[in-house]
């Protein structure tokens, strides 16, 4: 069975995020106030063939840790997509 998975990759706490900082500095000029602690990241959408949801998430988690993220500076999280 195929499962739609989303993998989110973000920088670990304590790691400098210049992209997030740049976005945060630009917000007031665009009329957005009261927004802070902006962190940038990546999102991957994929279909995973597995026997069950747990197997699909396990496979996606392993893929994220070995290929999609740098585990030294990034955290990754696999989740089922609400889209199906």
PDB file of N, CA and C in Angstrom:
ATOM      1  N   UNK A   1       0.837  -1.170   0.000  1.00  0.00           N
ATOM      2  CA  UNK A   1       0.000   0.000   0.000  1.00  0.00           C
ATOM      3  C   UNK A   1       0.892   1.246   0.000  1.00  0.00           C
ATOM      4  N   UNK A   2       0.426   2.318  -0.661  1.00  0.00           N
ATOM      5  CA  UNK A   2       1.187   3.571  -0.705  1.00  0.00           C
ATOM      6  C   UNK A   2       0.643   4.547   0.327  1.00  0.00           C
ATOM      7  N   UNK A   3       1.582   5.226   0.997  1.00  0.00           N
ATOM      8  CA  UNK A   3       1.228   6.236   1.996  1.00  0.00           C
ATOM      9  C   UNK A   3       1.865   7.557   1.590  1.00  0.00           C
ATOM     10  N   UNK A   4       1.084   8.630   1.662  1.00  0.00           N
ATOM     11  CA  UNK A   4       1.593   9.976   1.399  1.00  0.00           C
ATOM     12  C   UNK A   4       2.244  10.475   2.684  1.00  0.00           C
ATOM     13  N   UNK A   5       3.509  10.848   2.563  1.00  0.00           N
ATOM     14  CA  UNK A   5       4.309  11.259   3.718  1.00  0.00           C
ATOM     15  C   UNK A   5       4.856  12.662   3.476  1.00  0.00           C
ATOM     16  N   UNK A   6       4.929  13.435   4.544  1.00  0.00           N
ATOM     17  CA  UNK A   6       5.609  14.727   4.514  1.00  0.00           C
ATOM     18  C   UNK A   6       6.775  14.648   5.495  1.00  0.00           C
ATOM     19  N   UNK A   7       7.943  15.055   5.026  1.00  0.00           N
ATOM     20  CA  UNK A   7       9.128  15.117   5.886  1.00  0.00           C
ATOM     21  C   UNK A   7       9.501  16.584   6.047  1.00  0.00           C
ATOM     22  N   UNK A   8       9.521  17.055   7.286  1.00  0.00           N
ATOM     23  CA  UNK A   8       9.924  18.421   7.594  1.00  0.00           C
ATOM     24  C   UNK A   8      11.347  18.395   8.150  1.00  0.00           C
ATOM     25  N   UNK A   9      12.188  19.275   7.613  1.00  0.00           N
ATOM     26  CA  UNK A   9      13.582  19.374   8.056  1.00  0.00           C
ATOM     27  C   UNK A   9      13.816  20.808   8.521  1.00  0.00           C
ATOM     28  N   UNK A  10      14.279  20.957   9.756  1.00  0.00           N
ATOM     29  CA  UNK A  10      14.559  22.277  10.316  1.00  0.00           C
ATOM     30  C   UNK A  10      15.916  22.264  11.013  1.00  0.00           C
ATOM     31  N   UNK A  11      16.490  23.447  11.140  1.00  0.00           N
ATOM     32  CA  UNK A  11      17.747  23.555  11.878  1.00  0.00           C
ATOM     33  C   UNK A  11      17.484  23.291  13.351  1.00  0.00           C
ATOM     34  N   UNK A  12      18.438  22.648  14.005  1.00  0.00           N
ATOM     35  CA  UNK A  12      18.316  22.375  15.443  1.00  0.00           C
ATOM     36  C   UNK A  12      18.349  23.689  16.219  1.00  0.00           C
ATOM     37  N   UNK A  13      17.737  23.659  17.407  1.00  0.00           N
ATOM     38  CA  UNK A  13      17.799  24.821  18.295  1.00  0.00           C
ATOM     39  C   UNK A  13      19.269  25.142  18.568  1.00  0.00           C
ATOM     40  N   UNK A  14      19.590  26.421  18.582  1.00  0.00           N
ATOM     41  CA  UNK A  14      20.957  26.847  18.854  1.00  0.00           C
ATOM     42  C   UNK A  14      21.809  27.008  17.605  1.00  0.00           C
ATOM     43  N   UNK A  15      21.324  26.498  16.471  1.00  0.00           N
ATOM     44  CA  UNK A  15      22.048  26.654  15.199  1.00  0.00           C
ATOM     45  C   UNK A  15      21.561  27.944  14.545  1.00  0.00           C
ATOM     46  N   UNK A  16      22.484  28.777  14.123  1.00  0.00           N
ATOM     47  CA  UNK A  16      22.140  30.045  13.486  1.00  0.00           C
ATOM     48  C   UNK A  16      21.284  29.810  12.246  1.00  0.00           C
ATOM     49  N   UNK A  17      20.229  30.603  12.086  1.00  0.00           N
ATOM     50  CA  UNK A  17      19.317  30.492  10.952  1.00  0.00           C
ATOM     51  C   UNK A  17      19.247  31.842  10.233  1.00  0.00           C
ATOM     52  N   UNK A  18      20.227  32.141   9.364  1.00  0.00           N
ATOM     53  CA  UNK A  18      20.242  33.447   8.704  1.00  0.00           C
ATOM     54  C   UNK A  18      19.023  33.679   7.802  1.00  0.00           C
ATOM     55  N   UNK A  19      18.500  32.637   7.198  1.00  0.00           N
ATOM     56  CA  UNK A  19      17.319  32.806   6.344  1.00  0.00           C
ATOM     57  C   UNK A  19      16.105  33.220   7.187  1.00  0.00           C
ATOM     58  N   UNK A  20      15.906  32.551   8.302  1.00  0.00           N
ATOM     59  CA  UNK A  20      14.812  32.915   9.201  1.00  0.00           C
ATOM     60  C   UNK A  20      14.963  34.327   9.739  1.00  0.00           C
ATOM     61  N   UNK A  21      16.189  34.704  10.078  1.00  0.00           N
ATOM     62  CA  UNK A  21      16.444  36.047  10.597  1.00  0.00           C
ATOM     63  C   UNK A  21      16.150  37.114   9.546  1.00  0.00           C
ATOM     64  N   UNK A  22      16.506  36.855   8.298  1.00  0.00           N
ATOM     65  CA  UNK A  22      16.238  37.799   7.214  1.00  0.00           C
ATOM     66  C   UNK A  22      14.738  37.970   7.008  1.00  0.00           C
ATOM     67  N   UNK A  23      14.015  36.876   7.042  1.00  0.00           N
ATOM     68  CA  UNK A  23      12.550  36.935   6.900  1.00  0.00           C
ATOM     69  C   UNK A  23      11.950  37.741   8.053  1.00  0.00           C
ATOM     70  N   UNK A  24      12.412  37.466   9.269  1.00  0.00           N
ATOM     71  CA  UNK A  24      11.877  38.163  10.439  1.00  0.00           C
ATOM     72  C   UNK A  24      12.119  39.661  10.371  1.00  0.00           C
ATOM     73  N   UNK A  25      13.310  40.073   9.903  1.00  0.00           N
ATOM     74  CA  UNK A  25      13.616  41.502   9.779  1.00  0.00           C
ATOM     75  C   UNK A  25      12.746  42.178   8.720  1.00  0.00           C
ATOM     76  N   UNK A  26      12.328  41.451   7.685  1.00  0.00           N
ATOM     77  CA  UNK A  26      11.535  42.030   6.593  1.00  0.00           C
ATOM     78  C   UNK A  26      10.053  42.163   6.948  1.00  0.00           C
ATOM     79  N   UNK A  27       9.571  41.431   7.909  1.00  0.00           N
ATOM     80  CA  UNK A  27       8.133  41.399   8.215  1.00  0.00           C
ATOM     81  C   UNK A  27       7.526  42.754   8.550  1.00  0.00           C
ATOM     82  N   UNK A  28       8.141  43.574   9.426  1.00  0.00           N
ATOM     83  CA  UNK A  28       7.518  44.869   9.746  1.00  0.00           C
ATOM     84  C   UNK A  28       7.335  45.769   8.514  1.00  0.00           C
ATOM     85  N   UNK A  29       8.289  45.741   7.596  1.00  0.00           N
ATOM     86  CA  UNK A  29       8.181  46.555   6.387  1.00  0.00           C
ATOM     87  C   UNK A  29       7.014  46.107   5.507  1.00  0.00           C
ATOM     88  N   UNK A  30       6.589  44.860   5.675  1.00  0.00           N
ATOM     89  CA  UNK A  30       5.467  44.337   4.901  1.00  0.00           C
ATOM     90  C   UNK A  30       4.151  44.427   5.666  1.00  0.00           C
ATOM     91  N   UNK A  31       4.204  45.040   6.847  1.00  0.00           N
ATOM     92  CA  UNK A  31       2.987  45.239   7.624  1.00  0.00           C
ATOM     93  C   UNK A  31       2.658  44.121   8.598  1.00  0.00           C
ATOM     94  N   UNK A  32       3.566  43.190   8.793  1.00  0.00           N
ATOM     95  CA  UNK A  32       3.338  42.092   9.733  1.00  0.00           C
ATOM     96  C   UNK A  32       4.064  42.399  11.043  1.00  0.00           C
ATOM     97  N   UNK A  33       3.289  42.629  12.092  1.00  0.00           N
ATOM     98  CA  UNK A  33       3.883  42.898  13.398  1.00  0.00           C
ATOM     99  C   UNK A  33       3.516  41.772  14.353  1.00  0.00           C
ATOM    100  N   UNK A  34       4.269  41.670  15.426  1.00  0.00           N
ATOM    101  CA  UNK A  34       3.981  40.657  16.434  1.00  0.00           C
ATOM    102  C   UNK A  34       4.416  39.259  16.042  1.00  0.00           C
ATOM    103  N   UNK A  35       5.287  39.142  15.050  1.00  0.00           N
ATOM    104  CA  UNK A  35       5.805  37.837  14.629  1.00  0.00           C
ATOM    105  C   UNK A  35       7.264  37.758  15.048  1.00  0.00           C
ATOM    106  N   UNK A  36       7.626  36.661  15.721  1.00  0.00           N
ATOM    107  CA  UNK A  36       9.016  36.516  16.166  1.00  0.00           C
ATOM    108  C   UNK A  36       9.445  35.060  16.090  1.00  0.00           C
ATOM    109  N   UNK A  37      10.712  34.848  16.313  1.00  0.00           N
ATOM    110  CA  UNK A  37      11.308  33.507  16.323  1.00  0.00           C
ATOM    111  C   UNK A  37      11.064  32.748  15.018  1.00  0.00           C
ATOM    112  N   UNK A  38      11.254  33.417  13.896  1.00  0.00           N
ATOM    113  CA  UNK A  38      11.052  32.799  12.589  1.00  0.00           C
ATOM    114  C   UNK A  38      12.198  31.830  12.315  1.00  0.00           C
ATOM    115  N   UNK A  39      11.864  30.609  11.940  1.00  0.00           N
ATOM    116  CA  UNK A  39      12.856  29.585  11.578  1.00  0.00           C
ATOM    117  C   UNK A  39      12.480  29.062  10.190  1.00  0.00           C
ATOM    118  N   UNK A  40      13.445  28.981   9.307  1.00  0.00           N
ATOM    119  CA  UNK A  40      13.219  28.457   7.965  1.00  0.00           C
ATOM    120  C   UNK A  40      13.510  26.962   7.956  1.00  0.00           C
ATOM    121  N   UNK A  41      12.937  26.267   6.996  1.00  0.00           N
ATOM    122  CA  UNK A  41      13.177  24.836   6.887  1.00  0.00           C
ATOM    123  C   UNK A  41      12.799  24.338   5.503  1.00  0.00           C
ATOM    124  N   UNK A  42      12.794  23.031   5.361  1.00  0.00           N
ATOM    125  CA  UNK A  42      12.452  22.395   4.092  1.00  0.00           C
ATOM    126  C   UNK A  42      11.339  21.391   4.348  1.00  0.00           C
ATOM    127  N   UNK A  43      10.525  21.181   3.336  1.00  0.00           N
ATOM    128  CA  UNK A  43       9.460  20.194   3.419  1.00  0.00           C
ATOM    129  C   UNK A  43       9.516  19.325   2.170  1.00  0.00           C
ATOM    130  N   UNK A  44       9.473  18.022   2.368  1.00  0.00           N
ATOM    131  CA  UNK A  44       9.501  17.068   1.262  1.00  0.00           C
ATOM    132  C   UNK A  44       8.213  16.261   1.279  1.00  0.00           C
ATOM    133  N   UNK A  45       7.616  16.052   0.127  1.00  0.00           N
ATOM    134  CA  UNK A  45       6.429  15.217   0.016  1.00  0.00           C
ATOM    135  C   UNK A  45       6.786  14.006  -0.816  1.00  0.00           C
ATOM    136  N   UNK A  46       6.414  12.831  -0.309  1.00  0.00           N
ATOM    137  CA  UNK A  46       6.734  11.608  -1.022  1.00  0.00           C
ATOM    138  C   UNK A  46       5.700  10.529  -0.746  1.00  0.00           C
ATOM    139  N   UNK A  47       5.624   9.566  -1.638  1.00  0.00           N
ATOM    140  CA  UNK A  47       4.776   8.390  -1.457  1.00  0.00           C
ATOM    141  C   UNK A  47       5.679   7.221  -1.100  1.00  0.00           C
ATOM    142  N   UNK A  48       5.297   6.497  -0.068  1.00  0.00           N
ATOM    143  CA  UNK A  48       6.100   5.386   0.423  1.00  0.00           C
ATOM    144  C   UNK A  48       5.270   4.115   0.375  1.00  0.00           C
ATOM    145  N   UNK A  49       5.828   3.098  -0.243  1.00  0.00           N
ATOM    146  CA  UNK A  49       5.197   1.785  -0.298  1.00  0.00           C
ATOM    147  C   UNK A  49       5.565   1.021   0.970  1.00  0.00           C
ATOM    148  N   UNK A  50       4.542   0.580   1.706  1.00  0.00           N
ATOM    149  CA  UNK A  50       4.783  -0.165   2.945  1.00  0.00           C
ATOM    150  C   UNK A  50       3.535  -0.975   3.285  1.00  0.00           C
ATOM    151  N   UNK A  51       3.695  -1.927   4.213  1.00  0.00           N
ATOM    152  CA  UNK A  51       2.572  -2.764   4.632  1.00  0.00           C
ATOM    153  C   UNK A  51       1.581  -2.011   5.521  1.00  0.00           C
ATOM    154  N   UNK A  52       2.082  -0.999   6.276  1.00  0.00           N
ATOM    155  CA  UNK A  52       1.213  -0.265   7.188  1.00  0.00           C
ATOM    156  C   UNK A  52       1.785   1.131   7.423  1.00  0.00           C
ATOM    157  N   UNK A  53       1.020   1.965   8.137  1.00  0.00           N
ATOM    158  CA  UNK A  53       1.444   3.341   8.402  1.00  0.00           C
ATOM    159  C   UNK A  53       2.762   3.396   9.165  1.00  0.00           C
ATOM    160  N   UNK A  54       2.889   2.552  10.174  1.00  0.00           N
ATOM    161  CA  UNK A  54       4.116   2.548  10.978  1.00  0.00           C
ATOM    162  C   UNK A  54       5.329   2.221  10.119  1.00  0.00           C
ATOM    163  N   UNK A  55       5.196   1.266   9.222  1.00  0.00           N
ATOM    164  CA  UNK A  55       6.297   0.905   8.333  1.00  0.00           C
ATOM    165  C   UNK A  55       6.648   2.035   7.387  1.00  0.00           C
ATOM    166  N   UNK A  56       5.632   2.725   6.885  1.00  0.00           N
ATOM    167  CA  UNK A  56       5.873   3.854   5.983  1.00  0.00           C
ATOM    168  C   UNK A  56       6.600   4.977   6.712  1.00  0.00           C
ATOM    169  N   UNK A  57       6.167   5.281   7.932  1.00  0.00           N
ATOM    170  CA  UNK A  57       6.822   6.332   8.707  1.00  0.00           C
ATOM    171  C   UNK A  57       8.250   5.952   9.076  1.00  0.00           C
ATOM    172  N   UNK A  58       8.471   4.686   9.396  1.00  0.00           N
ATOM    173  CA  UNK A  58       9.819   4.218   9.726  1.00  0.00           C
ATOM    174  C   UNK A  58      10.748   4.362   8.521  1.00  0.00           C
ATOM    175  N   UNK A  59      10.254   3.977   7.349  1.00  0.00           N
ATOM    176  CA  UNK A  59      11.066   4.091   6.129  1.00  0.00           C
ATOM    177  C   UNK A  59      11.362   5.554   5.806  1.00  0.00           C
ATOM    178  N   UNK A  60      10.352   6.416   5.928  1.00  0.00           N
ATOM    179  CA  UNK A  60      10.539   7.839   5.636  1.00  0.00           C
ATOM    180  C   UNK A  60      11.483   8.491   6.645  1.00  0.00           C
ATOM    181  N   UNK A  61      11.401   8.086   7.892  1.00  0.00           N
ATOM    182  CA  UNK A  61      12.293   8.628   8.923  1.00  0.00           C
ATOM    183  C   UNK A  61      13.741   8.256   8.632  1.00  0.00           C
ATOM    184  N   UNK A  62      13.971   7.009   8.267  1.00  0.00           N
ATOM    185  CA  UNK A  62      15.329   6.566   7.929  1.00  0.00           C
ATOM    186  C   UNK A  62      15.851   7.311   6.706  1.00  0.00           C
ATOM    187  N   UNK A  63      14.995   7.487   5.707  1.00  0.00           N
ATOM    188  CA  UNK A  63      15.375   8.213   4.498  1.00  0.00           C
ATOM    189  C   UNK A  63      15.733   9.654   4.845  1.00  0.00           C
ATOM    190  N   UNK A  64      14.938  10.275   5.705  1.00  0.00           N
ATOM    191  CA  UNK A  64      15.192  11.665   6.095  1.00  0.00           C
ATOM    192  C   UNK A  64      16.519  11.797   6.822  1.00  0.00           C
ATOM    193  N   UNK A  65      16.819  10.875   7.709  1.00  0.00           N
ATOM    194  CA  UNK A  65      18.050  10.950   8.489  1.00  0.00           C
ATOM    195  C   UNK A  65      19.288  10.658   7.651  1.00  0.00           C
ATOM    196  N   UNK A  66      19.150   9.809   6.642  1.00  0.00           N
ATOM    197  CA  UNK A  66      20.318   9.431   5.845  1.00  0.00           C
ATOM    198  C   UNK A  66      20.519  10.271   4.604  1.00  0.00           C
ATOM    199  N   UNK A  67      19.451  10.899   4.076  1.00  0.00           N
ATOM    200  CA  UNK A  67      19.580  11.595   2.797  1.00  0.00           C
ATOM    201  C   UNK A  67      19.074  13.041   2.828  1.00  0.00           C
ATOM    202  N   UNK A  68      17.915  13.274   3.422  1.00  0.00           N
ATOM    203  CA  UNK A  68      17.271  14.578   3.303  1.00  0.00           C
ATOM    204  C   UNK A  68      17.754  15.610   4.304  1.00  0.00           C
ATOM    205  N   UNK A  69      18.430  15.185   5.354  1.00  0.00           N
ATOM    206  CA  UNK A  69      18.876  16.136   6.368  1.00  0.00           C
ATOM    207  C   UNK A  69      20.322  15.859   6.772  1.00  0.00           C
ATOM    208  N   UNK A  70      20.898  16.852   7.400  1.00  0.00           N
ATOM    209  CA  UNK A  70      22.218  16.702   8.002  1.00  0.00           C
ATOM    210  C   UNK A  70      21.972  16.561   9.499  1.00  0.00           C
ATOM    211  N   UNK A  71      22.016  15.341  10.045  1.00  0.00           N
ATOM    212  CA  UNK A  71      21.640  15.141  11.443  1.00  0.00           C
ATOM    213  C   UNK A  71      22.532  15.859  12.455  1.00  0.00           C
ATOM    214  N   UNK A  72      23.651  16.383  12.029  1.00  0.00           N
ATOM    215  CA  UNK A  72      24.517  17.135  12.939  1.00  0.00           C
ATOM    216  C   UNK A  72      23.890  18.487  13.277  1.00  0.00           C
ATOM    217  N   UNK A  73      23.243  19.122  12.286  1.00  0.00           N
ATOM    218  CA  UNK A  73      22.695  20.464  12.506  1.00  0.00           C
ATOM    219  C   UNK A  73      21.192  20.558  12.272  1.00  0.00           C
ATOM    220  N   UNK A  74      20.567  19.488  11.767  1.00  0.00           N
ATOM    221  CA  UNK A  74      19.143  19.554  11.437  1.00  0.00           C
ATOM    222  C   UNK A  74      18.351  18.437  12.125  1.00  0.00           C
ATOM    223  N   UNK A  75      17.095  18.746  12.417  1.00  0.00           N
ATOM    224  CA  UNK A  75      16.136  17.757  12.896  1.00  0.00           C
ATOM    225  C   UNK A  75      15.194  17.443  11.743  1.00  0.00           C
ATOM    226  N   UNK A  76      14.730  16.215  11.695  1.00  0.00           N
ATOM    227  CA  UNK A  76      13.758  15.846  10.677  1.00  0.00           C
ATOM    228  C   UNK A  76      12.600  15.108  11.342  1.00  0.00           C
ATOM    229  N   UNK A  77      11.430  15.254  10.735  1.00  0.00           N
ATOM    230  CA  UNK A  77      10.236  14.616  11.270  1.00  0.00           C
ATOM    231  C   UNK A  77       9.365  14.170  10.115  1.00  0.00           C
ATOM    232  N   UNK A  78       9.014  12.884  10.099  1.00  0.00           N
ATOM    233  CA  UNK A  78       8.125  12.340   9.068  1.00  0.00           C
ATOM    234  C   UNK A  78       6.725  12.238   9.645  1.00  0.00           C
ATOM    235  N   UNK A  79       5.732  12.577   8.829  1.00  0.00           N
ATOM    236  CA  UNK A  79       4.342  12.474   9.256  1.00  0.00           C
ATOM    237  C   UNK A  79       3.470  12.112   8.068  1.00  0.00           C
ATOM    238  N   UNK A  80       2.339  11.516   8.358  1.00  0.00           N
ATOM    239  CA  UNK A  80       1.392  11.193   7.289  1.00  0.00           C
ATOM    240  C   UNK A  80       0.770  12.473   6.767  1.00  0.00           C
ATOM    241  N   UNK A  81       0.610  12.541   5.469  1.00  0.00           N
ATOM    242  CA  UNK A  81      -0.022  13.699   4.859  1.00  0.00           C
ATOM    243  C   UNK A  81      -1.528  13.630   5.046  1.00  0.00           C
ATOM    244  N   UNK A  82      -2.140  14.748   5.335  1.00  0.00           N
ATOM    245  CA  UNK A  82      -3.600  14.793   5.476  1.00  0.00           C
ATOM    246  C   UNK A  82      -4.280  14.618   4.123  1.00  0.00           C
ATOM    247  N   UNK A  83      -3.517  14.790   3.042  1.00  0.00           N
ATOM    248  CA  UNK A  83      -4.066  14.687   1.698  1.00  0.00           C
ATOM    249  C   UNK A  83      -4.247  13.243   1.257  1.00  0.00           C
ATOM    250  N   UNK A  84      -3.733  12.331   2.043  1.00  0.00           N
ATOM    251  CA  UNK A  84      -4.037  10.968   1.743  1.00  0.00           C
ATOM    252  C   UNK A  84      -2.973  10.062   1.378  1.00  0.00           C
TER     253      UNK A  84
END
